[in-house]
């Protein structure tokens, strides 16, 4: 018996070129969904798309830098023109700069929050418009352990992930009446390109 069948569903995964996003995209495709792989560079998505299609799945690479919110509507239209209405949104794209609080610049702050929070927020808004119209949808936001706990030298990242937690709660109660479920996942310390170097530090490990 298949307990997790997404055949006929269209999913959009931001930050799908590597790490958690690539793994999620592969899992959705394995369950039968057609997956739009979004990242700042289409070339960076080639390997993930090839792996999915090589296993018989359906994947379409989409160029999307969610920190540039003016580009989001066109990217969403591109996904729906290619694969149909988006029924599943995974907000995975994220970035980080590790510095003590006293060294953080405004540019650092904007770079992190524009992707991790502002971009995720407005991607939810754009995709959510169609979900509201159709009265169904699933939104899953990737939070972090830092959504709830403090970790040194990543105060801006932690703030952005805390915001993701509160945004998720707000969307869940606001969109529940439209049969749209909104949840967040706070992954543990998973080895990705974003934090691989930390595993070489015995104290951190």
Protein backbone atom coordinates (compact mmCIF):
# COMPACT_ATOMS: atom_id res chain seq x y z
CA UNK A 1 0.00 0.00 0.00
CA UNK A 2 1.34 3.43 -0.95
CA UNK A 3 0.83 5.82 1.97
CA UNK A 4 2.42 8.84 0.33
CA UNK A 5 1.30 9.38 -3.25
CA UNK A 6 1.70 12.79 -4.87
CA UNK A 7 0.95 11.70 -8.42
CA UNK A 8 -0.54 14.57 -10.39
CA UNK A 9 0.60 17.23 -7.91
CA UNK A 10 2.91 20.13 -8.75
CA UNK A 11 5.49 21.19 -6.18
CA UNK A 12 7.82 24.19 -6.11
CA UNK A 13 11.03 23.92 -4.09
CA UNK A 14 13.14 27.02 -3.58
CA UNK A 15 16.82 26.45 -2.88
CA UNK A 16 16.67 23.13 -4.71
CA UNK A 17 20.20 23.07 -6.13
CA UNK A 18 21.86 21.36 -3.15
CA UNK A 19 21.58 20.16 0.42
CA UNK A 20 18.17 19.95 2.06
CA UNK A 21 16.37 21.46 -0.93
CA UNK A 22 17.78 18.93 -3.37
CA UNK A 23 16.87 16.05 -1.04
CA UNK A 24 13.32 17.34 -0.58
CA UNK A 25 12.89 17.77 -4.34
CA UNK A 26 14.05 14.21 -4.89
CA UNK A 27 11.65 12.90 -2.27
CA UNK A 28 8.68 14.76 -3.74
CA UNK A 29 9.50 13.46 -7.22
CA UNK A 30 9.87 9.91 -5.91
CA UNK A 31 6.35 10.23 -4.49
CA UNK A 32 5.04 11.16 -7.93
CA UNK A 33 4.97 14.97 -7.89
CA UNK A 34 6.14 17.10 -10.79
CA UNK A 35 8.77 19.33 -9.22
CA UNK A 36 9.86 22.85 -10.14
CA UNK A 37 13.45 23.23 -8.97
CA UNK A 38 14.19 26.87 -8.15
CA UNK A 39 17.58 28.47 -7.53
CA UNK A 40 19.52 31.56 -8.52
CA UNK A 41 21.26 29.66 -11.32
CA UNK A 42 19.59 27.17 -13.65
CA UNK A 43 23.00 25.63 -14.32
CA UNK A 44 23.32 24.80 -10.61
CA UNK A 45 20.11 22.76 -10.86
CA UNK A 46 21.29 20.55 -13.73
CA UNK A 47 22.57 17.68 -11.58
CA UNK A 48 19.47 17.56 -9.38
CA UNK A 49 17.16 17.64 -12.41
CA UNK A 50 19.18 14.89 -14.09
CA UNK A 51 19.02 12.67 -11.01
CA UNK A 52 15.25 13.07 -10.78
CA UNK A 53 14.54 12.50 -14.46
CA UNK A 54 17.00 9.61 -14.50
CA UNK A 55 14.79 7.86 -11.96
CA UNK A 56 11.70 8.49 -14.07
CA UNK A 57 10.56 11.66 -12.30
CA UNK A 58 9.52 15.00 -13.72
CA UNK A 59 11.63 18.06 -12.83
CA UNK A 60 11.85 21.52 -14.39
CA UNK A 61 14.65 23.94 -13.42
CA UNK A 62 13.52 27.53 -12.79
CA UNK A 63 15.76 30.54 -12.27
CA UNK A 64 14.65 32.38 -9.13
CA UNK A 65 16.56 34.56 -6.71
CA UNK A 66 13.93 35.04 -4.02
CA UNK A 67 15.87 37.94 -2.52
CA UNK A 68 14.73 39.89 -5.60
CA UNK A 69 11.02 39.86 -4.90
CA UNK A 70 10.16 41.65 -8.15
CA UNK A 71 11.15 38.46 -10.02
CA UNK A 72 8.87 36.14 -8.02
CA UNK A 73 5.57 36.61 -9.95
CA UNK A 74 7.16 35.79 -13.31
CA UNK A 75 8.88 32.70 -11.90
CA UNK A 76 5.62 31.42 -10.42
CA UNK A 77 3.88 31.93 -13.78
CA UNK A 78 6.70 30.05 -15.48
CA UNK A 79 6.23 27.10 -13.12
CA UNK A 80 2.47 26.97 -13.64
CA UNK A 81 2.79 27.32 -17.42
CA UNK A 82 5.17 24.36 -17.44
CA UNK A 83 3.66 22.07 -14.81
CA UNK A 84 0.25 23.37 -13.80
CA UNK A 85 -1.04 24.98 -10.60
CA UNK A 86 1.35 24.81 -7.64
CA UNK A 87 -0.22 22.69 -4.92
CA UNK A 88 2.88 22.26 -2.73
CA UNK A 89 5.40 24.97 -1.84
CA UNK A 90 8.63 24.19 -0.01
CA UNK A 91 10.53 27.31 1.12
CA UNK A 92 14.08 26.03 1.54
CA UNK A 93 16.36 28.75 0.11
CA UNK A 94 18.59 30.22 2.78
CA UNK A 95 21.91 31.86 3.44
CA UNK A 96 24.07 32.77 6.40
CA UNK A 97 27.05 34.91 7.42
CA UNK A 98 28.81 33.91 10.62
CA UNK A 99 30.00 36.93 12.59
CA UNK A 100 29.75 38.26 16.14
CA UNK A 101 26.87 40.70 16.57
CA UNK A 102 29.23 43.65 16.92
CA UNK A 103 30.69 42.98 13.45
CA UNK A 104 27.43 42.60 11.49
CA UNK A 105 26.91 45.27 8.84
CA UNK A 106 23.66 46.46 7.33
CA UNK A 107 24.68 44.73 4.11
CA UNK A 108 25.15 41.44 5.99
CA UNK A 109 21.76 41.87 7.65
CA UNK A 110 19.97 42.60 4.39
CA UNK A 111 21.65 39.73 2.53
CA UNK A 112 20.48 37.19 5.09
CA UNK A 113 16.99 38.49 5.79
CA UNK A 114 16.18 39.26 2.14
CA UNK A 115 16.56 35.57 1.33
CA UNK A 116 15.64 33.79 4.54
CA UNK A 117 12.59 35.82 5.49
CA UNK A 118 11.53 38.54 3.05
CA UNK A 119 11.93 36.32 -0.01
CA UNK A 120 10.18 33.39 1.64
CA UNK A 121 7.33 35.66 2.74
CA UNK A 122 6.65 37.04 -0.70
CA UNK A 123 7.02 33.65 -2.38
CA UNK A 124 4.32 32.39 0.00
CA UNK A 125 2.20 35.41 -0.88
CA UNK A 126 2.47 34.87 -4.64
CA UNK A 127 1.92 31.11 -4.61
CA UNK A 128 -0.77 31.51 -1.95
CA UNK A 129 -2.93 33.62 -4.26
CA UNK A 130 -3.53 30.61 -6.49
CA UNK A 131 -3.99 28.27 -3.54
CA UNK A 132 -6.65 30.58 -2.07
CA UNK A 133 -8.47 30.68 -5.40
CA UNK A 134 -8.42 26.88 -5.67
CA UNK A 135 -9.18 26.39 -1.96
CA UNK A 136 -6.34 23.95 -1.33
CA UNK A 137 -2.60 23.83 -0.87
CA UNK A 138 0.33 22.82 1.30
CA UNK A 139 3.11 25.20 2.36
CA UNK A 140 6.17 23.90 4.20
CA UNK A 141 8.78 26.38 5.42
CA UNK A 142 12.24 25.31 6.49
CA UNK A 143 13.04 26.76 9.88
CA UNK A 144 15.99 25.78 12.04
CA UNK A 145 17.01 24.81 15.53
CA UNK A 146 17.61 28.56 15.81
CA UNK A 147 13.89 29.18 15.31
CA UNK A 148 13.68 28.46 19.03
CA UNK A 149 17.21 28.55 20.50
CA UNK A 150 20.14 30.97 20.43
CA UNK A 151 23.45 30.06 18.80
CA UNK A 152 26.57 32.28 18.85
CA UNK A 153 27.67 34.24 15.77
CA UNK A 154 24.48 33.68 13.76
CA UNK A 155 22.18 36.23 15.38
CA UNK A 156 20.76 37.51 12.08
CA UNK A 157 20.23 33.99 10.73
CA UNK A 158 18.53 33.01 13.99
CA UNK A 159 16.35 36.10 13.84
CA UNK A 160 15.30 35.28 10.30
CA UNK A 161 14.46 31.70 11.24
CA UNK A 162 12.53 32.89 14.27
CA UNK A 163 10.56 35.07 11.89
CA UNK A 164 9.89 32.03 9.70
CA UNK A 165 8.35 30.31 12.71
CA UNK A 166 6.02 33.21 13.43
CA UNK A 167 5.20 33.72 9.74
CA UNK A 168 4.22 30.05 9.53
CA UNK A 169 1.86 30.39 12.48
CA UNK A 170 0.32 33.54 11.02
CA UNK A 171 -0.23 32.00 7.59
CA UNK A 172 -1.64 28.82 9.13
CA UNK A 173 -4.36 30.63 11.05
CA UNK A 174 -5.08 33.08 8.21
CA UNK A 175 -5.23 30.53 5.40
CA UNK A 176 -6.78 27.59 7.26
CA UNK A 177 -10.24 28.69 6.13
CA UNK A 178 -9.11 28.14 2.53
CA UNK A 179 -8.05 24.52 3.21
CA UNK A 180 -4.38 25.52 3.00
CA UNK A 181 -2.10 23.88 5.55
CA UNK A 182 1.08 25.75 6.51
CA UNK A 183 3.81 24.10 8.56
CA UNK A 184 7.49 24.59 9.37
CA UNK A 185 10.26 22.05 9.83
CA UNK A 186 13.27 22.81 12.03
CA UNK A 187 16.04 20.51 10.81
CA UNK A 188 18.79 19.47 13.17
CA UNK A 189 22.49 19.83 12.42
CA UNK A 190 22.53 18.32 8.93
CA UNK A 191 25.73 18.42 6.88
CA UNK A 192 25.22 20.73 3.91
CA UNK A 193 27.45 23.06 1.91
CA UNK A 194 26.26 25.88 4.18
CA UNK A 195 27.79 24.34 7.31
CA UNK A 196 30.19 21.63 6.10
CA UNK A 197 33.28 23.42 7.42
CA UNK A 198 31.90 23.36 10.97
CA UNK A 199 32.22 19.59 11.07
CA UNK A 200 36.01 20.03 10.93
CA UNK A 201 35.85 21.84 14.28
CA UNK A 202 35.96 19.18 17.06
CA UNK A 203 34.39 21.54 19.63
CA UNK A 204 31.47 22.41 17.37
CA UNK A 205 30.98 18.79 16.33
